Protein backbone atom coordinates (compact mmCIF):
# COMPACT_ATOMS: atom_id res chain seq x y z
CA MET A 1 233.24 8.18 40.95
CA ALA A 2 231.35 10.31 37.98
CA PHE A 3 227.32 10.72 38.22
CA ALA A 4 225.16 11.69 35.38
CA GLY A 5 225.33 15.41 34.84
CA PHE A 6 228.84 15.50 36.85
CA GLU A 7 232.65 15.20 36.20
CA PRO A 8 234.68 14.36 38.86
CA CYS A 9 237.41 17.60 40.05
CA VAL A 10 241.24 16.38 39.86
CA GLY A 11 241.63 18.82 43.01
CA CYS A 12 238.79 17.33 45.16
CA GLY A 13 237.17 14.50 43.71
CA ARG A 14 233.68 16.19 44.26
CA GLY A 15 231.53 16.44 41.50
CA ILE A 16 231.36 19.29 38.84
CA PRO A 17 228.28 20.43 37.15
CA VAL A 18 228.38 19.41 33.47
CA ASP A 19 226.77 22.96 32.81
CA ARG A 20 229.99 24.39 33.90
CA PHE A 21 232.01 23.25 31.27
CA VAL A 22 232.07 26.56 28.73
CA ASP A 23 234.58 26.08 25.89
CA GLY A 24 235.88 22.85 27.13
CA LYS A 25 236.86 24.15 30.54
CA ALA A 26 235.53 24.29 34.08
CA ALA A 27 236.28 25.74 37.45
CA CYS A 28 235.34 23.43 40.48
CA PRO A 29 232.98 25.46 42.45
CA TRP A 30 234.63 23.65 45.46
CA CYS A 31 238.23 24.24 45.15
CA GLY A 32 238.21 26.31 42.16
CA THR A 33 240.44 23.53 40.14
CA VAL A 34 240.62 24.72 36.47
CA GLN A 35 239.96 21.48 34.23
CA ASP A 36 239.10 20.25 30.44
CA GLU A 37 236.39 17.90 29.61
CA GLY A 38 239.13 15.60 29.29
CA GLY A 39 240.28 15.56 33.22
CA GLU A 40 243.23 17.21 32.82
CA GLN A 41 244.07 20.29 34.67
CA VAL A 42 244.42 23.55 33.44
CA VAL A 43 247.43 25.60 34.71
CA VAL A 44 246.21 28.88 36.00
CA ALA A 45 248.68 31.52 36.57
CA PRO A 46 248.36 35.38 37.53
CA ALA A 47 248.77 37.43 33.98
CA LYS A 48 251.23 39.93 33.36
CA PRO A 49 249.42 42.72 31.88
CA LEU A 50 250.62 46.15 31.24
CA GLY A 51 248.50 47.61 34.17
CA ARG A 52 245.86 46.47 35.89
CA HIS A 53 242.36 47.75 37.18
CA PRO A 54 241.46 47.51 41.21
CA LYS A 55 237.68 46.11 39.69
CA VAL A 56 239.12 43.80 37.44
CA THR A 57 240.58 39.97 38.15
CA GLU A 58 243.14 38.72 35.45
CA ARG A 59 244.56 35.34 35.05
CA ASP A 60 246.22 33.03 32.27
CA GLU A 61 244.62 29.66 31.94
CA GLY A 62 247.03 27.91 29.83
CA ALA A 63 246.96 29.70 26.61
CA GLU A 64 243.83 31.61 27.33
CA ARG A 65 244.17 35.35 28.91
CA VAL A 66 240.54 35.64 31.44
CA PHE A 67 239.51 38.39 32.88
CA VAL A 68 236.35 38.90 35.32
CA THR A 69 234.96 42.14 36.45
CA ARG A 70 231.44 42.70 38.44
CA GLN A 71 228.67 45.09 37.56
CA GLY A 72 228.88 46.67 40.77
CA SER A 73 227.43 50.50 40.77
CA CYS A 74 225.91 53.05 43.19
CA PHE A 75 222.67 52.95 41.61
CA GLY A 76 222.14 49.33 41.84
CA TRP A 77 222.77 48.98 45.12
CA PHE A 78 220.56 51.74 46.23
CA TRP A 79 218.16 49.95 43.84
CA LEU A 80 218.43 47.19 45.88
CA VAL A 81 218.29 48.42 49.43
CA PHE A 82 215.35 50.52 48.22
CA THR A 83 213.60 47.05 46.89
CA THR A 84 214.70 45.06 50.09
CA VAL A 85 213.10 47.90 52.68
CA HIS A 86 209.83 48.40 50.61
CA CYS A 87 209.36 44.63 50.18
CA GLY A 88 209.92 44.05 53.94
CA PHE A 89 207.28 46.60 54.93
CA MET A 90 204.79 45.22 52.19
CA PHE A 91 205.14 41.53 53.50
CA TYR A 92 204.76 43.06 57.20
CA GLY A 93 201.89 44.85 56.04
CA LEU A 94 200.18 41.45 54.15
CA VAL A 95 200.79 39.59 57.57
CA HIS A 96 198.84 42.03 59.64
CA GLY A 97 196.25 42.49 57.36
CA GLN A 98 197.19 46.04 56.56
CA VAL A 99 197.53 45.43 52.45
CA HIS A 100 194.43 46.40 49.59
CA SER A 101 193.86 43.40 46.64
CA GLY A 102 194.49 46.20 44.19
CA ARG A 103 193.98 50.07 44.50
CA HIS A 104 190.93 50.33 45.61
CA GLY A 105 190.24 46.75 46.90
CA PRO A 106 189.25 45.54 49.99
CA VAL A 107 192.04 44.64 52.70
CA ILE A 108 193.07 41.08 52.92
CA ALA A 109 192.72 40.17 56.45
CA ASN A 110 193.38 36.47 56.13
CA PRO A 111 196.37 36.40 53.26
CA SER A 112 196.84 32.83 51.86
CA PHE A 113 199.66 31.42 50.39
CA TRP A 114 199.08 32.33 46.95
CA HIS A 115 198.85 36.09 48.28
CA TYR A 116 202.64 35.36 49.12
CA LEU A 117 203.49 33.89 46.28
CA GLY A 118 202.12 36.41 44.20
CA PHE A 119 203.93 39.12 46.11
CA ALA A 120 207.31 37.34 45.91
CA ALA A 121 206.71 36.95 42.15
CA PHE A 122 206.50 40.48 41.78
CA TYR A 123 209.41 41.50 44.04
CA SER A 124 211.31 38.83 42.43
CA ILE A 125 211.70 41.09 38.94
CA PHE A 126 212.73 44.12 40.92
CA PHE A 127 215.42 41.84 43.14
CA ALA A 128 216.60 40.68 39.65
CA VAL A 129 217.17 44.44 38.20
CA GLY A 130 219.12 45.32 41.72
CA PHE A 131 221.42 42.26 41.10
CA ALA A 132 221.90 43.03 37.26
CA PHE A 133 223.53 46.15 38.74
CA THR A 134 225.49 44.53 41.61
CA LEU A 135 226.14 41.35 41.64
CA SER A 136 225.94 40.32 37.83
CA ARG A 137 229.76 39.10 36.49
CA TYR A 138 231.54 39.66 33.11
CA THR A 139 233.84 36.82 32.20
CA ILE A 140 236.32 37.43 29.12
CA ARG A 141 238.11 34.62 27.65
CA LEU A 142 240.62 35.44 24.97
CA ARG A 143 242.58 32.86 22.72
CA ASP A 144 244.13 33.20 19.61
CA ASP A 145 240.99 31.95 17.51
CA LEU A 146 238.43 32.80 19.70
CA ILE A 147 236.67 35.30 22.13
CA THR A 148 234.19 34.10 24.50
CA VAL A 149 232.38 36.97 26.67
CA ARG A 150 230.05 35.04 29.72
CA TYR A 151 227.57 37.85 31.49
CA ARG A 152 226.19 35.82 34.62
CA LEU A 153 223.20 37.51 36.40
CA PHE A 154 223.32 34.27 38.83
CA PRO A 155 225.22 31.11 38.56
CA PHE A 156 223.78 29.17 34.89
CA VAL A 157 221.61 32.13 34.55
CA GLY A 158 222.72 34.80 31.80
CA TRP A 159 224.38 35.26 28.20
CA THR A 160 227.35 33.83 26.64
CA TRP A 161 228.57 35.37 23.32
CA ARG A 162 231.50 33.81 21.12
CA LEU A 163 233.61 35.75 18.33
CA ALA A 164 236.07 33.76 16.04
CA ALA A 165 239.26 36.27 16.06
CA ALA A 166 240.07 36.01 12.80
CA GLU A 167 243.49 37.87 11.53
CA THR A 168 242.16 41.18 12.43
CA VAL A 169 240.24 41.78 15.83
CA GLN A 170 238.97 45.36 15.77
CA VAL A 171 237.89 47.10 19.14
CA SER A 172 236.11 50.22 19.94
CA LEU A 173 233.96 51.72 22.52
CA ALA A 174 230.71 52.57 20.60
CA PHE A 175 227.15 53.67 20.98
CA ARG A 176 224.70 50.33 20.66
CA GLY A 177 221.65 51.31 22.18
CA ALA A 178 221.73 51.44 26.17
CA ARG A 179 221.03 54.68 27.97
CA SER A 180 221.08 55.57 31.10
CA ASN A 181 219.19 58.76 32.59
CA GLY A 182 218.94 59.66 28.89
CA ARG A 183 222.44 59.52 28.60
CA ALA A 184 224.01 57.22 25.78
CA GLU A 185 226.17 54.38 27.27
CA LYS A 186 229.28 53.11 25.30
CA ALA A 187 229.65 49.27 24.88
CA ILE A 188 233.26 47.28 24.09
CA VAL A 189 232.55 46.96 20.77
CA LEU A 190 234.67 43.50 19.01
CA VAL A 191 234.66 43.29 15.07
CA SER A 192 236.50 40.21 13.45
CA GLY A 193 235.81 38.48 10.20
CA GLY A 194 232.70 40.45 9.55
CA LYS A 195 230.83 40.05 12.75
CA GLU A 196 230.59 41.53 16.02
CA ILE A 197 229.98 41.48 19.76
CA SER A 198 229.20 44.13 21.96
CA PHE A 199 228.86 44.21 25.73
CA GLY A 200 229.25 46.03 29.08
CA SER A 201 227.48 49.36 28.52
CA PHE A 202 226.46 49.84 31.74
CA LEU A 203 230.42 49.07 33.41
CA GLU A 204 232.06 52.04 34.84
CA ASP A 205 233.58 54.38 31.97
CA GLY A 206 237.26 53.49 33.97
CA VAL A 207 236.34 49.43 33.47
CA LYS A 208 235.22 49.98 29.95
CA GLN A 209 238.29 51.41 28.64
CA HIS A 210 240.67 49.09 30.68
CA LEU A 211 238.78 45.88 29.15
CA ALA A 212 239.01 47.45 25.40
CA SER A 213 242.54 48.32 25.75
CA SER A 214 243.65 45.07 27.44
CA ILE A 215 241.83 42.94 24.61
CA ASP A 216 243.37 45.20 22.15
CA ALA A 217 246.86 44.54 23.20
CA PHE A 218 246.20 41.06 23.42
CA TYR A 219 245.83 40.73 19.60
CA HIS A 220 248.17 43.51 18.93
CA GLU A 221 251.53 44.24 19.54
CA ALA A 222 250.30 47.40 21.54
CA PRO A 223 247.15 48.71 22.92
CA GLY A 224 245.62 51.27 20.94
CA ALA A 225 246.84 49.71 17.45
CA THR A 226 243.09 49.65 16.02
CA ALA A 227 241.69 51.98 18.56
CA ASP A 228 243.64 55.19 19.14
CA PHE A 229 241.30 56.65 21.22
CA ILE A 230 241.34 53.82 23.88
CA PRO A 231 244.00 54.46 26.60
CA GLY A 232 246.47 51.92 27.32
CA PRO A 233 246.00 50.17 30.87
CA SER A 234 247.16 52.13 33.61
CA ALA A 235 250.50 51.22 35.61
């Protein structure tokens, strides 16, 4: 039985939120079955790429080639651990009346609900940064006529870029404004039909090279057809 805002899964029968459908397809959060909006199951098979990268998952969904990778970085995990420890100490101090209300304000002897809520809101910004560099995920879907890139910080929270694949799809690694410790970080840049999308500036260099060459290989006979400096996927 279908409920408002949900579509029944063809695999297990549970409801899939309609928000999960992207470009007419969604994977069931319960059993993983992929289906389209018409209720037809989409055949998912392991991809047969030229090579693989240990941090990139590849598969075929019907006529689509799908790549999935997580941001995961040492900096992100360090940031997340440090924020967790610091947040724990601050909440402990708040509970025991050892935290000042401002730099030179009085000690909060009897914290109220609003004090805890304010602390939680303040630290949520730092936790979001930590999650962005650790658990966030890119999903790249390639079709003959469309490229879809989804970035999700949390489920349902993130951005989606789409680029219509014209006769030629140019792939490159180029600077698009992102910097890390003062160093320019290159992004994966896709250009087709006079339009451009870019993503993945803070992914590892090896992951960016693998994704760029794999995308190039999907739209051309061999990787490097439009971007000679991008090495092909390692075997």
